[in-house]
Protein backbone atom coordinates (compact mmCIF):
# COMPACT_ATOMS: atom_id res chain seq x y z
CA GLU A 1 -21.34 -51.79 19.60
CA LEU A 2 -20.45 -48.38 17.85
CA PRO A 3 -24.10 -47.98 16.81
CA PRO A 4 -26.16 -48.20 19.91
CA GLN A 5 -23.75 -45.43 21.23
CA LEU A 6 -24.06 -43.30 18.19
CA ALA A 7 -27.85 -43.36 18.78
CA ALA A 8 -27.84 -42.59 22.27
CA ALA A 9 -25.83 -39.80 21.69
CA GLU A 10 -28.20 -38.50 18.93
CA ALA A 11 -31.10 -39.05 21.21
CA LYS A 12 -29.47 -36.49 23.56
CA GLY A 13 -29.14 -33.97 20.93
CA LEU A 14 -25.51 -34.36 20.22
CA LYS A 15 -24.66 -34.12 16.27
CA ILE A 16 -22.51 -37.02 14.86
CA LEU A 17 -19.98 -35.86 12.25
CA SER A 18 -18.21 -38.72 10.30
CA LEU A 19 -14.93 -38.66 8.76
CA ILE A 20 -14.12 -41.63 6.53
CA VAL A 21 -10.42 -42.34 7.01
CA GLY A 22 -9.93 -45.53 5.17
CA PRO A 23 -12.05 -48.06 2.99
CA SER A 24 -15.18 -49.21 5.12
CA ARG A 25 -18.48 -50.75 5.04
CA PHE A 26 -19.82 -47.36 5.75
CA LYS A 27 -22.74 -47.20 2.92
CA ARG A 28 -23.62 -50.68 3.57
CA MET A 29 -24.48 -50.30 6.97
CA PRO A 30 -27.90 -48.14 7.83
CA GLU A 31 -27.14 -47.58 11.33
CA LEU A 32 -23.83 -45.43 10.18
CA SER A 33 -24.81 -44.12 6.98
CA ARG A 34 -27.53 -42.42 8.08
CA PHE A 35 -25.08 -39.91 9.86
CA GLN A 36 -23.85 -37.95 6.92
CA ALA A 37 -19.93 -38.17 6.43
CA VAL A 38 -17.99 -34.99 6.08
CA ASN A 39 -16.02 -36.40 3.06
CA ASP A 40 -17.16 -38.89 0.48
CA PRO A 41 -17.23 -42.55 1.55
CA ASP A 42 -15.79 -43.59 -2.10
CA ARG A 43 -12.90 -41.48 -1.32
CA PRO A 44 -11.51 -42.20 2.00
CA PHE A 45 -9.04 -39.75 3.59
CA ILE A 46 -6.28 -41.98 3.37
CA GLY A 47 -6.33 -42.08 -0.38
CA LEU A 48 -6.32 -38.26 -0.91
CA SER A 49 -3.71 -36.38 -1.98
CA LYS A 50 -2.06 -33.85 1.05
CA ALA A 51 -4.42 -31.06 -0.68
CA GLU A 52 -7.37 -33.10 -0.56
CA GLN A 53 -6.82 -34.00 3.01
CA GLU A 54 -6.42 -30.27 3.92
CA ALA A 55 -9.70 -29.86 2.19
CA ASP A 56 -11.59 -32.21 3.76
CA LEU A 57 -10.09 -30.92 7.34
CA LEU A 58 -11.18 -27.54 6.44
CA LYS A 59 -14.75 -28.73 5.72
CA LEU A 60 -14.91 -30.63 9.03
CA ALA A 61 -13.30 -27.75 11.14
CA ASN A 62 -16.05 -25.63 9.61
CA ARG A 63 -19.02 -27.67 10.48
CA ILE A 64 -17.90 -28.13 13.94
CA GLU A 65 -17.62 -24.30 14.12
CA ASP A 66 -21.02 -23.66 12.30
CA LEU A 67 -22.50 -26.13 14.97
CA ALA A 68 -20.48 -24.43 17.85
CA ASP A 69 -21.76 -21.00 16.79
CA PRO A 70 -24.99 -21.34 15.02
CA LYS A 71 -25.76 -18.37 13.23
CA PRO A 72 -29.59 -16.85 14.27
C-alpha cells in the first residue's frame, strides 16, 4: 500500500524523505529506492552508535529545513 501513497504524494509535489531505521529490502524495491534515503540503507539507523544516529538526525533536520526555506 505504501508505494501508491508515495507516488500520489510525489505527484502533488511533496518531497519524500526516507530514514532507514532497520534492516530492510529498500534497495531491492525500485518503487521505494527511487526516493533517496537520508542515511545509508546498508547502515540502518538502529545499528549505529549514538553519535552516528545524531549525525543522521542532523542531516534529516537540515534537509527538512532546506525544503521548508529554499535559498534563492
